[in-house]
Amino acid sequence: MAKIQIWLIIMAIVVAPFVLLWQEVGPVWFLVIVVGIPVLVAVRWNPQKAFEKARAAKNQPTVPVVAEKSPSSERKIETYIRHDAEQGVDYIETDWPAQFRQIEQARAEKDFDFARLWLQKFAYTITGKADVPQEIKDRFKRVMTDFAEEDPLYREVMAIALPYILANPGTLQSKIYGHLPHWSEEEVRYVLYFANELGHIHRRKKGRSYELLPPGAVIDA
């Protein structure tokens, strides 16, 4: 008899909150809260997929995480390149300052495709010019390196390229394009160039191509 009384007390304690909830919200919301929400959670959460995702993340080499930069910390291209240039000497063509402002706006709005395209176009305009001082070229290279760190294209390509390079050290850049079919050769070259500059991989000239080596690899002279 005592056991029955104990079970009745336990049942009353368990059921009481549901009775109060029913009285407060009514039958419709009661069913939503007590039945609907748990069912929705159970349907959306797949334990097997969650386990596989966690295991893949543990075993997958990743590109070093780069903290997102606030707009105030980004190098303003025009100001940075012009800084300390000789008085009265302009190394930038007259139409580029306006383009730089469009690039900065696109970068702030996360339109990386537009910013990347015009940054690369500017790089091509100064690469072969003998009258552009090396300091200006070096400054722009640092601007591009900063940009590559936050460029989603860089992360997407490196998410596949880095594990392949780790598994196949010394693979030629000309051979890796086939393992990255979703991107053009120009996009892959862009990523691998700055991956080397950022220290995420090493590139070593070999014939008409480059050897791709894991970060930290010893590079012979």
C-alpha atoms as a PDB file:
ATOM      1  CA  MET A   1       0.000   0.000   0.000  1.00  0.00           C
ATOM      2  CA  ALA A   2       2.852   2.355   0.860  1.00  0.00           C
ATOM      3  CA  LYS A   3       4.502   1.676  -2.524  1.00  0.00           C
ATOM      4  CA  ILE A   4       1.274   2.589  -4.321  1.00  0.00           C
ATOM      5  CA  GLN A   5       1.077   5.866  -2.417  1.00  0.00           C
ATOM      6  CA  ILE A   6       4.686   6.711  -3.299  1.00  0.00           C
ATOM      7  CA  TRP A   7       4.034   6.050  -6.994  1.00  0.00           C
ATOM      8  CA  LEU A   8       0.899   8.199  -6.881  1.00  0.00           C
ATOM      9  CA  ILE A   9       2.898  11.047  -5.353  1.00  0.00           C
ATOM     10  CA  ILE A  10       5.607  10.704  -8.022  1.00  0.00           C
ATOM     11  CA  MET A  11       2.995  10.644 -10.806  1.00  0.00           C
ATOM     12  CA  ALA A  12       1.343  13.727  -9.372  1.00  0.00           C
ATOM     13  CA  ILE A  13       4.666  15.581  -9.289  1.00  0.00           C
ATOM     14  CA  VAL A  14       5.422  14.587 -12.906  1.00  0.00           C
ATOM     15  CA  VAL A  15       1.944  15.316 -14.264  1.00  0.00           C
ATOM     16  CA  ALA A  16       1.295  18.558 -12.373  1.00  0.00           C
ATOM     17  CA  PRO A  17       3.490  20.806 -14.630  1.00  0.00           C
ATOM     18  CA  PHE A  18       1.743  19.469 -17.738  1.00  0.00           C
ATOM     19  CA  VAL A  19      -1.682  20.114 -16.223  1.00  0.00           C
ATOM     20  CA  LEU A  20      -0.672  23.678 -15.346  1.00  0.00           C
ATOM     21  CA  LEU A  21       0.751  24.202 -18.837  1.00  0.00           C
ATOM     22  CA  TRP A  22      -2.500  22.904 -20.396  1.00  0.00           C
ATOM     23  CA  GLN A  23      -4.502  25.345 -18.288  1.00  0.00           C
ATOM     24  CA  GLU A  24      -2.211  28.276 -19.144  1.00  0.00           C
ATOM     25  CA  VAL A  25      -1.804  27.902 -22.913  1.00  0.00           C
ATOM     26  CA  GLY A  26      -4.715  25.747 -23.984  1.00  0.00           C
ATOM     27  CA  PRO A  27      -4.776  22.416 -25.847  1.00  0.00           C
ATOM     28  CA  VAL A  28      -3.350  23.636 -29.186  1.00  0.00           C
ATOM     29  CA  TRP A  29      -0.221  25.288 -27.807  1.00  0.00           C
ATOM     30  CA  PHE A  30       0.138  22.468 -25.311  1.00  0.00           C
ATOM     31  CA  LEU A  31       0.467  19.973 -28.168  1.00  0.00           C
ATOM     32  CA  VAL A  32       2.880  22.287 -30.024  1.00  0.00           C
ATOM     33  CA  ILE A  33       5.170  22.659 -27.003  1.00  0.00           C
ATOM     34  CA  VAL A  34       5.021  19.117 -25.655  1.00  0.00           C
ATOM     35  CA  VAL A  35       4.844  17.147 -28.924  1.00  0.00           C
ATOM     36  CA  GLY A  36       5.683  19.382 -31.898  1.00  0.00           C
ATOM     37  CA  ILE A  37       8.977  20.879 -30.762  1.00  0.00           C
ATOM     38  CA  PRO A  38      10.566  17.580 -29.595  1.00  0.00           C
ATOM     39  CA  VAL A  39       9.498  15.878 -32.848  1.00  0.00           C
ATOM     40  CA  LEU A  40      10.977  18.727 -34.937  1.00  0.00           C
ATOM     41  CA  VAL A  41      14.278  18.526 -33.052  1.00  0.00           C
ATOM     42  CA  ALA A  42      14.408  14.751 -33.451  1.00  0.00           C
ATOM     43  CA  VAL A  43      13.752  14.962 -37.207  1.00  0.00           C
ATOM     44  CA  ARG A  44      16.343  17.691 -37.874  1.00  0.00           C
ATOM     45  CA  TRP A  45      19.130  16.159 -35.784  1.00  0.00           C
ATOM     46  CA  ASN A  46      20.623  13.043 -37.292  1.00  0.00           C
ATOM     47  CA  PRO A  47      23.060  11.416 -34.831  1.00  0.00           C
ATOM     48  CA  GLN A  48      24.816   9.431 -37.569  1.00  0.00           C
ATOM     49  CA  LYS A  49      25.433  12.523 -39.721  1.00  0.00           C
ATOM     50  CA  ALA A  50      26.566  14.498 -36.685  1.00  0.00           C
ATOM     51  CA  PHE A  51      29.053  11.760 -35.789  1.00  0.00           C
ATOM     52  CA  GLU A  52      30.388  11.524 -39.359  1.00  0.00           C
ATOM     53  CA  LYS A  53      30.749  15.311 -39.600  1.00  0.00           C
ATOM     54  CA  ALA A  54      32.658  15.459 -36.307  1.00  0.00           C
ATOM     55  CA  ARG A  55      34.953  12.599 -37.362  1.00  0.00           C
ATOM     56  CA  ALA A  56      35.641  14.201 -40.748  1.00  0.00           C
ATOM     57  CA  ALA A  57      36.439  17.528 -39.109  1.00  0.00           C
ATOM     58  CA  LYS A  58      38.883  15.816 -36.754  1.00  0.00           C
ATOM     59  CA  ASN A  59      40.751  14.028 -39.544  1.00  0.00           C
ATOM     60  CA  GLN A  60      40.625  16.759 -42.220  1.00  0.00           C
ATOM     61  CA  PRO A  61      43.642  19.094 -42.448  1.00  0.00           C
ATOM     62  CA  THR A  62      42.376  22.636 -42.505  1.00  0.00           C
ATOM     63  CA  VAL A  63      43.598  26.009 -43.640  1.00  0.00           C
ATOM     64  CA  PRO A  64      44.778  28.046 -40.636  1.00  0.00           C
ATOM     65  CA  VAL A  65      41.900  30.100 -39.289  1.00  0.00           C
ATOM     66  CA  VAL A  66      42.169  33.805 -39.994  1.00  0.00           C
ATOM     67  CA  ALA A  67      40.226  36.163 -37.775  1.00  0.00           C
ATOM     68  CA  GLU A  68      37.691  38.246 -39.653  1.00  0.00           C
ATOM     69  CA  LYS A  69      38.948  41.774 -40.098  1.00  0.00           C
ATOM     70  CA  SER A  70      36.900  44.834 -39.343  1.00  0.00           C
ATOM     71  CA  PRO A  71      36.738  47.442 -42.136  1.00  0.00           C
ATOM     72  CA  SER A  72      38.806  49.840 -40.016  1.00  0.00           C
ATOM     73  CA  SER A  73      41.709  47.378 -39.921  1.00  0.00           C
ATOM     74  CA  GLU A  74      41.842  46.805 -43.695  1.00  0.00           C
ATOM     75  CA  ARG A  75      44.628  48.532 -45.605  1.00  0.00           C
ATOM     76  CA  LYS A  76      43.106  51.193 -47.817  1.00  0.00           C
ATOM     77  CA  ILE A  77      44.693  50.403 -51.151  1.00  0.00           C
ATOM     78  CA  GLU A  78      45.204  53.877 -52.606  1.00  0.00           C
ATOM     79  CA  THR A  79      46.501  55.420 -49.368  1.00  0.00           C
ATOM     80  CA  TYR A  80      48.753  52.485 -48.608  1.00  0.00           C
ATOM     81  CA  ILE A  81      50.374  52.354 -52.039  1.00  0.00           C
ATOM     82  CA  ARG A  82      50.815  56.125 -52.334  1.00  0.00           C
ATOM     83  CA  HIS A  83      52.237  56.469 -48.826  1.00  0.00           C
ATOM     84  CA  ASP A  84      55.815  57.786 -48.816  1.00  0.00           C
ATOM     85  CA  ALA A  85      55.892  58.034 -52.622  1.00  0.00           C
ATOM     86  CA  GLU A  86      58.164  60.768 -53.890  1.00  0.00           C
ATOM     87  CA  GLN A  87      56.610  64.235 -53.886  1.00  0.00           C
ATOM     88  CA  GLY A  88      55.060  65.049 -57.240  1.00  0.00           C
ATOM     89  CA  VAL A  89      55.624  61.582 -58.715  1.00  0.00           C
ATOM     90  CA  ASP A  90      52.489  59.551 -59.367  1.00  0.00           C
ATOM     91  CA  TYR A  91      52.998  55.827 -60.022  1.00  0.00           C
ATOM     92  CA  ILE A  92      49.279  55.144 -60.344  1.00  0.00           C
ATOM     93  CA  GLU A  93      47.373  55.803 -63.558  1.00  0.00           C
ATOM     94  CA  THR A  94      44.738  58.515 -63.251  1.00  0.00           C
ATOM     95  CA  ASP A  95      41.741  56.162 -63.544  1.00  0.00           C
ATOM     96  CA  TRP A  96      42.873  53.824 -60.752  1.00  0.00           C
ATOM     97  CA  PRO A  97      42.086  55.904 -57.614  1.00  0.00           C
ATOM     98  CA  ALA A  98      38.353  55.796 -58.436  1.00  0.00           C
ATOM     99  CA  GLN A  99      38.653  52.062 -59.111  1.00  0.00           C
ATOM    100  CA  PHE A 100      40.386  51.557 -55.756  1.00  0.00           C
ATOM    101  CA  ARG A 101      37.399  53.127 -54.013  1.00  0.00           C
ATOM    102  CA  GLN A 102      35.069  50.727 -55.833  1.00  0.00           C
ATOM    103  CA  ILE A 103      37.284  47.815 -54.793  1.00  0.00           C
ATOM    104  CA  GLU A 104      37.188  48.907 -51.156  1.00  0.00           C
ATOM    105  CA  GLN A 105      33.400  49.242 -51.315  1.00  0.00           C
ATOM    106  CA  ALA A 106      33.065  45.781 -52.870  1.00  0.00           C
ATOM    107  CA  ARG A 107      35.363  44.367 -50.189  1.00  0.00           C
ATOM    108  CA  ALA A 108      33.288  45.961 -47.421  1.00  0.00           C
ATOM    109  CA  GLU A 109      30.126  44.518 -49.003  1.00  0.00           C
ATOM    110  CA  LYS A 110      31.774  41.058 -49.300  1.00  0.00           C
ATOM    111  CA  ASP A 111      31.659  41.171 -53.102  1.00  0.00           C
ATOM    112  CA  PHE A 112      34.962  39.300 -53.285  1.00  0.00           C
ATOM    113  CA  ASP A 113      34.652  38.364 -56.977  1.00  0.00           C
ATOM    114  CA  PHE A 114      34.589  42.023 -58.044  1.00  0.00           C
ATOM    115  CA  ALA A 115      37.394  43.008 -55.669  1.00  0.00           C
ATOM    116  CA  ARG A 116      39.573  40.052 -56.701  1.00  0.00           C
ATOM    117  CA  LEU A 117      39.127  40.718 -60.417  1.00  0.00           C
ATOM    118  CA  TRP A 118      40.176  44.369 -60.209  1.00  0.00           C
ATOM    119  CA  LEU A 119      42.998  43.762 -57.756  1.00  0.00           C
ATOM    120  CA  GLN A 120      44.428  41.242 -60.209  1.00  0.00           C
ATOM    121  CA  LYS A 121      43.976  43.693 -63.104  1.00  0.00           C
ATOM    122  CA  PHE A 122      45.932  46.317 -61.201  1.00  0.00           C
ATOM    123  CA  ALA A 123      48.636  43.749 -60.433  1.00  0.00           C
ATOM    124  CA  TYR A 124      49.005  43.083 -64.153  1.00  0.00           C
ATOM    125  CA  THR A 125      49.346  46.822 -64.892  1.00  0.00           C
ATOM    126  CA  ILE A 126      52.341  47.275 -62.574  1.00  0.00           C
ATOM    127  CA  THR A 127      54.117  43.921 -62.998  1.00  0.00           C
ATOM    128  CA  GLY A 128      55.945  44.657 -66.230  1.00  0.00           C
ATOM    129  CA  LYS A 129      56.501  48.383 -65.742  1.00  0.00           C
ATOM    130  CA  ALA A 130      60.123  49.367 -65.184  1.00  0.00           C
ATOM    131  CA  ASP A 131      59.146  52.841 -63.920  1.00  0.00           C
ATOM    132  CA  VAL A 132      57.153  51.439 -60.974  1.00  0.00           C
ATOM    133  CA  PRO A 133      59.468  51.238 -57.928  1.00  0.00           C
ATOM    134  CA  GLN A 134      59.863  47.838 -56.274  1.00  0.00           C
ATOM    135  CA  GLU A 135      58.620  49.365 -53.021  1.00  0.00           C
ATOM    136  CA  ILE A 136      55.252  50.089 -54.631  1.00  0.00           C
ATOM    137  CA  LYS A 137      55.071  46.550 -55.984  1.00  0.00           C
ATOM    138  CA  ASP A 138      55.957  45.156 -52.548  1.00  0.00           C
ATOM    139  CA  ARG A 139      53.301  47.304 -50.875  1.00  0.00           C
ATOM    140  CA  PHE A 140      50.629  46.107 -53.314  1.00  0.00           C
ATOM    141  CA  LYS A 141      51.730  42.510 -52.801  1.00  0.00           C
ATOM    142  CA  ARG A 142      51.055  42.912 -49.064  1.00  0.00           C
ATOM    143  CA  VAL A 143      47.626  44.367 -49.863  1.00  0.00           C
ATOM    144  CA  MET A 144      46.871  41.315 -52.011  1.00  0.00           C
ATOM    145  CA  THR A 145      48.152  38.964 -49.292  1.00  0.00           C
ATOM    146  CA  ASP A 146      45.826  40.592 -46.770  1.00  0.00           C
ATOM    147  CA  PHE A 147      42.942  40.208 -49.205  1.00  0.00           C
ATOM    148  CA  ALA A 148      43.710  36.530 -49.904  1.00  0.00           C
ATOM    149  CA  GLU A 149      43.444  35.765 -46.185  1.00  0.00           C
ATOM    150  CA  GLU A 150      39.782  36.798 -46.150  1.00  0.00           C
ATOM    151  CA  ASP A 151      38.841  35.685 -49.674  1.00  0.00           C
ATOM    152  CA  PRO A 152      36.347  32.748 -49.628  1.00  0.00           C
ATOM    153  CA  LEU A 153      37.849  31.443 -52.885  1.00  0.00           C
ATOM    154  CA  TYR A 154      41.169  31.022 -51.103  1.00  0.00           C
ATOM    155  CA  ARG A 155      39.585  28.962 -48.324  1.00  0.00           C
ATOM    156  CA  GLU A 156      37.519  26.820 -50.716  1.00  0.00           C
ATOM    157  CA  VAL A 157      40.468  25.868 -52.916  1.00  0.00           C
ATOM    158  CA  MET A 158      42.844  25.315 -49.989  1.00  0.00           C
ATOM    159  CA  ALA A 159      40.326  23.058 -48.243  1.00  0.00           C
ATOM    160  CA  ILE A 160      40.985  20.554 -51.067  1.00  0.00           C
ATOM    161  CA  ALA A 161      44.492  21.517 -52.204  1.00  0.00           C
ATOM    162  CA  LEU A 162      46.154  21.441 -48.770  1.00  0.00           C
ATOM    163  CA  PRO A 163      45.162  17.854 -47.859  1.00  0.00           C
ATOM    164  CA  TYR A 164      46.295  16.721 -51.325  1.00  0.00           C
ATOM    165  CA  ILE A 165      49.669  18.463 -50.958  1.00  0.00           C
ATOM    166  CA  LEU A 166      50.128  17.000 -47.464  1.00  0.00           C
ATOM    167  CA  ALA A 167      49.461  13.516 -48.867  1.00  0.00           C
ATOM    168  CA  ASN A 168      51.569  14.080 -52.013  1.00  0.00           C
ATOM    169  CA  PRO A 169      54.478  16.373 -51.092  1.00  0.00           C
ATOM    170  CA  GLY A 170      56.390  17.597 -54.136  1.00  0.00           C
ATOM    171  CA  THR A 171      53.433  17.286 -56.514  1.00  0.00           C
ATOM    172  CA  LEU A 172      53.689  19.657 -59.464  1.00  0.00           C
ATOM    173  CA  GLN A 173      51.371  22.612 -59.690  1.00  0.00           C
ATOM    174  CA  SER A 174      50.627  21.664 -63.312  1.00  0.00           C
ATOM    175  CA  LYS A 175      49.310  18.285 -62.064  1.00  0.00           C
ATOM    176  CA  ILE A 176      47.096  19.587 -59.290  1.00  0.00           C
ATOM    177  CA  TYR A 177      44.657  21.403 -61.584  1.00  0.00           C
ATOM    178  CA  GLY A 178      42.962  18.098 -62.405  1.00  0.00           C
ATOM    179  CA  HIS A 179      42.175  17.587 -58.716  1.00  0.00           C
ATOM    180  CA  LEU A 180      40.489  21.003 -58.538  1.00  0.00           C
ATOM    181  CA  PRO A 181      38.032  20.847 -61.459  1.00  0.00           C
ATOM    182  CA  HIS A 182      35.577  23.352 -59.995  1.00  0.00           C
ATOM    183  CA  TRP A 183      38.011  26.252 -60.383  1.00  0.00           C
ATOM    184  CA  SER A 184      39.905  27.673 -63.353  1.00  0.00           C
ATOM    185  CA  GLU A 185      43.686  27.351 -63.587  1.00  0.00           C
ATOM    186  CA  GLU A 186      43.947  31.122 -63.079  1.00  0.00           C
ATOM    187  CA  GLU A 187      42.007  30.873 -59.791  1.00  0.00           C
ATOM    188  CA  VAL A 188      44.140  27.954 -58.585  1.00  0.00           C
ATOM    189  CA  ARG A 189      47.372  29.794 -59.480  1.00  0.00           C
ATOM    190  CA  TYR A 190      46.136  32.820 -57.538  1.00  0.00           C
ATOM    191  CA  VAL A 191      45.404  30.712 -54.454  1.00  0.00           C
ATOM    192  CA  LEU A 192      48.653  28.716 -54.536  1.00  0.00           C
ATOM    193  CA  TYR A 193      50.764  31.831 -55.041  1.00  0.00           C
ATOM    194  CA  PHE A 194      49.360  33.479 -51.924  1.00  0.00           C
ATOM    195  CA  ALA A 195      49.313  30.192 -49.993  1.00  0.00           C
ATOM    196  CA  ASN A 196      53.085  30.268 -50.420  1.00  0.00           C
ATOM    197  CA  GLU A 197      53.258  33.937 -49.378  1.00  0.00           C
ATOM    198  CA  LEU A 198      51.156  33.206 -46.279  1.00  0.00           C
ATOM    199  CA  GLY A 199      53.277  30.173 -45.340  1.00  0.00           C
ATOM    200  CA  HIS A 200      50.398  27.713 -45.703  1.00  0.00           C
ATOM    201  CA  ILE A 201      52.423  25.780 -48.321  1.00  0.00           C
ATOM    202  CA  HIS A 202      55.824  26.074 -50.014  1.00  0.00           C
ATOM    203  CA  ARG A 203      56.299  26.451 -53.762  1.00  0.00           C
ATOM    204  CA  ARG A 204      59.632  25.623 -55.376  1.00  0.00           C
ATOM    205  CA  LYS A 205      60.394  26.260 -59.035  1.00  0.00           C
ATOM    206  CA  LYS A 206      60.864  23.061 -61.032  1.00  0.00           C
ATOM    207  CA  GLY A 207      61.166  23.240 -64.796  1.00  0.00           C
ATOM    208  CA  ARG A 208      58.181  25.088 -66.214  1.00  0.00           C
ATOM    209  CA  SER A 209      56.066  24.448 -63.126  1.00  0.00           C
ATOM    210  CA  TYR A 210      56.378  24.456 -59.322  1.00  0.00           C
ATOM    211  CA  GLU A 211      56.748  21.758 -56.723  1.00  0.00           C
ATOM    212  CA  LEU A 212      54.135  22.103 -53.993  1.00  0.00           C
ATOM    213  CA  LEU A 213      55.349  21.199 -50.513  1.00  0.00           C
ATOM    214  CA  PRO A 214      53.673  21.107 -47.085  1.00  0.00           C
ATOM    215  CA  PRO A 215      54.129  24.040 -44.702  1.00  0.00           C
ATOM    216  CA  GLY A 216      57.323  23.728 -42.697  1.00  0.00           C
ATOM    217  CA  ALA A 217      59.099  21.650 -45.364  1.00  0.00           C
ATOM    218  CA  VAL A 218      62.835  22.244 -45.614  1.00  0.00           C
ATOM    219  CA  ILE A 219      63.615  24.047 -48.871  1.00  0.00           C
ATOM    220  CA  ASP A 220      67.089  23.351 -50.257  1.00  0.00           C
ATOM    221  CA  ALA A 221      69.041  26.297 -51.579  1.00  0.00           C
END
